[in-house]
Amino acid sequence: MYIQPILATGLSVEWTPTVGLTMILCNLFIISIGRFAIKNPGQGPALPVQVPGLFKGFGWVELLATMSLGHVLGAGMILGLASAGVI
């Protein structure tokens, strides 16, 4: 009797504008949460560009932290929505 091995395969999603929009929205969501959740903002170097008043004191450290978490959330959302057949 031959038993077929079970192979684990990864889900791959091609880039579409919907995938890009999903990633952007996830990053904006996490940035907005991070703006109010970070206890001591502005401890590291400041951004070299002028930022809106809502993001005063938002430097490189806060930007990298929120964008990293935003990309983790975005990747999960994209893979989850793709496996559900939504995108």
N, C-alpha and C. Protein backbone atom coordinates (compact mmCIF):
# COMPACT_ATOMS: atom_id res chain seq x y z
N MET A 1 0.85 -1.17 0.00
CA MET A 1 0.00 0.00 0.00
C MET A 1 0.90 1.24 0.00
N TYR A 2 0.65 2.15 -0.94
CA TYR A 2 1.43 3.39 -1.06
C TYR A 2 0.65 4.52 -0.42
N ILE A 3 1.32 5.26 0.47
CA ILE A 3 0.69 6.41 1.12
C ILE A 3 1.27 7.68 0.51
N GLN A 4 0.40 8.51 0.00
CA GLN A 4 0.81 9.78 -0.62
C GLN A 4 1.32 10.73 0.47
N PRO A 5 2.54 11.24 0.34
CA PRO A 5 3.03 12.18 1.35
C PRO A 5 2.28 13.51 1.25
N ILE A 6 2.11 14.14 2.38
CA ILE A 6 1.45 15.44 2.43
C ILE A 6 2.54 16.51 2.37
N LEU A 7 2.45 17.36 1.38
CA LEU A 7 3.44 18.41 1.20
C LEU A 7 2.87 19.74 1.66
N ALA A 8 3.65 20.48 2.38
CA ALA A 8 3.24 21.82 2.79
C ALA A 8 3.71 22.80 1.73
N THR A 9 2.79 23.53 1.18
CA THR A 9 3.14 24.53 0.17
C THR A 9 2.71 25.90 0.66
N GLY A 10 3.48 26.89 0.28
CA GLY A 10 3.18 28.25 0.66
C GLY A 10 2.25 28.90 -0.35
N LEU A 11 1.46 29.83 0.13
CA LEU A 11 0.56 30.57 -0.74
C LEU A 11 1.31 31.79 -1.28
N SER A 12 1.26 31.97 -2.57
CA SER A 12 1.90 33.11 -3.20
C SER A 12 0.84 33.97 -3.87
N VAL A 13 0.91 35.26 -3.66
CA VAL A 13 -0.08 36.18 -4.21
C VAL A 13 0.62 37.13 -5.16
N GLU A 14 0.11 37.26 -6.36
CA GLU A 14 0.68 38.23 -7.30
C GLU A 14 0.25 39.62 -6.91
N TRP A 15 1.11 40.60 -7.21
CA TRP A 15 0.81 41.97 -6.86
C TRP A 15 -0.30 42.51 -7.75
N THR A 16 -1.27 43.14 -7.14
CA THR A 16 -2.33 43.86 -7.83
C THR A 16 -2.54 45.18 -7.08
N PRO A 17 -3.25 46.11 -7.65
CA PRO A 17 -3.54 47.35 -6.91
C PRO A 17 -4.29 47.09 -5.60
N THR A 18 -5.11 46.05 -5.56
CA THR A 18 -5.82 45.71 -4.33
C THR A 18 -4.84 45.26 -3.24
N VAL A 19 -3.83 44.50 -3.62
CA VAL A 19 -2.80 44.08 -2.67
C VAL A 19 -2.04 45.29 -2.15
N GLY A 20 -1.68 46.19 -3.03
CA GLY A 20 -0.97 47.41 -2.63
C GLY A 20 -1.80 48.28 -1.71
N LEU A 21 -3.08 48.44 -2.03
CA LEU A 21 -3.97 49.24 -1.20
C LEU A 21 -4.15 48.61 0.18
N THR A 22 -4.23 47.30 0.23
CA THR A 22 -4.35 46.60 1.51
C THR A 22 -3.12 46.87 2.37
N MET A 23 -1.93 46.79 1.80
CA MET A 23 -0.70 47.05 2.55
C MET A 23 -0.65 48.50 3.03
N ILE A 24 -1.02 49.44 2.18
CA ILE A 24 -1.01 50.85 2.58
C ILE A 24 -1.98 51.10 3.72
N LEU A 25 -3.18 50.55 3.65
CA LEU A 25 -4.18 50.75 4.70
C LEU A 25 -3.73 50.13 6.02
N CYS A 26 -3.11 48.97 5.95
CA CYS A 26 -2.60 48.34 7.19
C CYS A 26 -1.51 49.19 7.82
N ASN A 27 -0.62 49.73 7.00
CA ASN A 27 0.45 50.58 7.53
C ASN A 27 -0.11 51.87 8.13
N LEU A 28 -1.07 52.50 7.47
CA LEU A 28 -1.67 53.72 8.02
C LEU A 28 -2.41 53.44 9.32
N PHE A 29 -3.07 52.29 9.39
CA PHE A 29 -3.77 51.90 10.62
C PHE A 29 -2.80 51.76 11.78
N ILE A 30 -1.68 51.08 11.56
CA ILE A 30 -0.71 50.87 12.63
C ILE A 30 0.00 52.18 12.98
N ILE A 31 0.28 53.03 12.01
CA ILE A 31 0.90 54.33 12.32
C ILE A 31 -0.03 55.15 13.20
N SER A 32 -1.32 55.16 12.89
CA SER A 32 -2.26 55.94 13.70
C SER A 32 -2.38 55.38 15.12
N ILE A 33 -2.33 54.06 15.27
CA ILE A 33 -2.33 53.47 16.61
C ILE A 33 -1.03 53.80 17.33
N GLY A 34 0.09 53.66 16.62
CA GLY A 34 1.40 53.91 17.21
C GLY A 34 1.58 55.34 17.68
N ARG A 35 0.96 56.27 16.98
CA ARG A 35 1.08 57.69 17.35
C ARG A 35 0.59 57.92 18.77
N PHE A 36 -0.47 57.23 19.15
CA PHE A 36 -1.04 57.43 20.48
C PHE A 36 -0.57 56.39 21.49
N ALA A 37 -0.01 55.28 21.03
CA ALA A 37 0.38 54.20 21.94
C ALA A 37 1.84 54.29 22.38
N ILE A 38 2.69 54.96 21.63
CA ILE A 38 4.11 55.05 21.99
C ILE A 38 4.25 55.99 23.19
N LYS A 39 4.84 55.48 24.24
CA LYS A 39 4.88 56.21 25.51
C LYS A 39 5.78 57.44 25.46
N ASN A 40 6.99 57.31 24.92
CA ASN A 40 7.95 58.41 24.88
C ASN A 40 8.36 58.69 23.45
N PRO A 41 7.55 59.39 22.68
CA PRO A 41 7.92 59.65 21.28
C PRO A 41 9.02 60.70 21.17
N GLY A 42 9.74 60.64 20.06
CA GLY A 42 10.76 61.65 19.78
C GLY A 42 12.07 61.43 20.50
N GLN A 43 12.37 60.23 20.96
CA GLN A 43 13.62 59.98 21.68
C GLN A 43 14.80 59.83 20.72
N GLY A 44 14.55 59.40 19.50
CA GLY A 44 15.62 59.20 18.53
C GLY A 44 15.74 60.38 17.59
N PRO A 45 16.47 60.21 16.49
CA PRO A 45 16.61 61.29 15.52
C PRO A 45 15.28 61.64 14.85
N ALA A 46 15.13 62.91 14.53
CA ALA A 46 13.90 63.38 13.90
C ALA A 46 13.93 63.06 12.41
N LEU A 47 12.76 63.03 11.81
CA LEU A 47 12.66 62.82 10.37
C LEU A 47 13.18 64.04 9.64
N PRO A 48 13.81 63.87 8.47
CA PRO A 48 14.39 65.00 7.76
C PRO A 48 13.36 65.82 6.96
N VAL A 49 12.10 65.47 7.06
CA VAL A 49 11.05 66.20 6.32
C VAL A 49 10.09 66.82 7.32
N GLN A 50 9.36 67.80 6.84
CA GLN A 50 8.35 68.45 7.65
C GLN A 50 7.14 67.53 7.76
N VAL A 51 6.65 67.29 8.98
CA VAL A 51 5.52 66.40 9.19
C VAL A 51 4.31 67.21 9.64
N PRO A 52 3.10 66.71 9.38
CA PRO A 52 1.90 67.41 9.86
C PRO A 52 1.88 67.49 11.39
N GLY A 53 1.09 68.40 11.91
CA GLY A 53 1.03 68.63 13.35
C GLY A 53 0.65 67.41 14.16
N LEU A 54 -0.14 66.52 13.59
CA LEU A 54 -0.54 65.31 14.29
C LEU A 54 0.65 64.43 14.62
N PHE A 55 1.70 64.49 13.81
CA PHE A 55 2.86 63.62 13.99
C PHE A 55 4.08 64.36 14.54
N LYS A 56 3.89 65.45 15.26
CA LYS A 56 5.02 66.14 15.90
C LYS A 56 5.67 65.20 16.91
N GLY A 57 6.98 65.14 16.89
CA GLY A 57 7.71 64.24 17.78
C GLY A 57 7.80 62.82 17.25
N PHE A 58 7.35 62.59 16.04
CA PHE A 58 7.38 61.27 15.42
C PHE A 58 8.67 61.18 14.62
N GLY A 59 9.66 60.43 15.12
CA GLY A 59 10.97 60.36 14.48
C GLY A 59 11.21 59.04 13.78
N TRP A 60 12.50 58.79 13.48
CA TRP A 60 12.89 57.57 12.75
C TRP A 60 12.51 56.31 13.53
N VAL A 61 12.72 56.33 14.82
CA VAL A 61 12.44 55.14 15.63
C VAL A 61 10.97 54.78 15.56
N GLU A 62 10.11 55.76 15.73
CA GLU A 62 8.67 55.51 15.68
C GLU A 62 8.22 55.09 14.28
N LEU A 63 8.80 55.73 13.28
CA LEU A 63 8.44 55.38 11.90
C LEU A 63 8.82 53.94 11.57
N LEU A 64 10.05 53.55 11.89
CA LEU A 64 10.49 52.18 11.60
C LEU A 64 9.70 51.15 12.40
N ALA A 65 9.40 51.45 13.65
CA ALA A 65 8.66 50.50 14.48
C ALA A 65 7.24 50.30 13.94
N THR A 66 6.56 51.39 13.63
CA THR A 66 5.17 51.26 13.17
C THR A 66 5.10 50.67 11.76
N MET A 67 6.04 51.05 10.90
CA MET A 67 6.01 50.49 9.54
C MET A 67 6.36 49.00 9.55
N SER A 68 7.23 48.57 10.45
CA SER A 68 7.56 47.15 10.55
C SER A 68 6.33 46.35 10.97
N LEU A 69 5.66 46.82 12.01
CA LEU A 69 4.45 46.13 12.46
C LEU A 69 3.35 46.23 11.40
N GLY A 70 3.28 47.35 10.70
CA GLY A 70 2.29 47.50 9.63
C GLY A 70 2.51 46.51 8.50
N HIS A 71 3.77 46.24 8.17
CA HIS A 71 4.05 45.26 7.12
C HIS A 71 3.74 43.84 7.57
N VAL A 72 3.98 43.54 8.83
CA VAL A 72 3.61 42.21 9.35
C VAL A 72 2.10 42.03 9.28
N LEU A 73 1.35 43.05 9.74
CA LEU A 73 -0.11 42.99 9.67
C LEU A 73 -0.57 42.92 8.22
N GLY A 74 0.03 43.72 7.34
CA GLY A 74 -0.35 43.73 5.93
C GLY A 74 -0.11 42.39 5.25
N ALA A 75 1.03 41.77 5.52
CA ALA A 75 1.32 40.46 4.93
C ALA A 75 0.32 39.43 5.40
N GLY A 76 -0.01 39.46 6.67
CA GLY A 76 -1.02 38.53 7.19
C GLY A 76 -2.38 38.76 6.58
N MET A 77 -2.76 40.03 6.45
CA MET A 77 -4.07 40.35 5.85
C MET A 77 -4.13 39.91 4.39
N ILE A 78 -3.06 40.17 3.65
CA ILE A 78 -3.04 39.81 2.23
C ILE A 78 -3.10 38.30 2.06
N LEU A 79 -2.31 37.56 2.82
CA LEU A 79 -2.33 36.11 2.71
C LEU A 79 -3.67 35.53 3.18
N GLY A 80 -4.22 36.10 4.24
CA GLY A 80 -5.52 35.63 4.73
C GLY A 80 -6.64 35.92 3.75
N LEU A 81 -6.67 37.13 3.21
CA LEU A 81 -7.71 37.47 2.23
C LEU A 81 -7.56 36.67 0.95
N ALA A 82 -6.31 36.40 0.55
CA ALA A 82 -6.09 35.60 -0.66
C ALA A 82 -6.53 34.15 -0.46
N SER A 83 -6.25 33.58 0.71
CA SER A 83 -6.65 32.20 0.94
C SER A 83 -8.17 32.09 1.10
N ALA A 84 -8.82 33.17 1.51
CA ALA A 84 -10.28 33.17 1.61
C ALA A 84 -10.93 33.46 0.26
N GLY A 85 -10.13 33.82 -0.73
CA GLY A 85 -10.64 34.09 -2.06
C GLY A 85 -11.19 35.48 -2.26
N VAL A 86 -10.88 36.40 -1.35
CA VAL A 86 -11.39 37.77 -1.45
C VAL A 86 -10.58 38.57 -2.44
N ILE A 87 -9.25 38.41 -2.40
CA ILE A 87 -8.41 39.14 -3.36
C ILE A 87 -7.63 38.15 -4.20
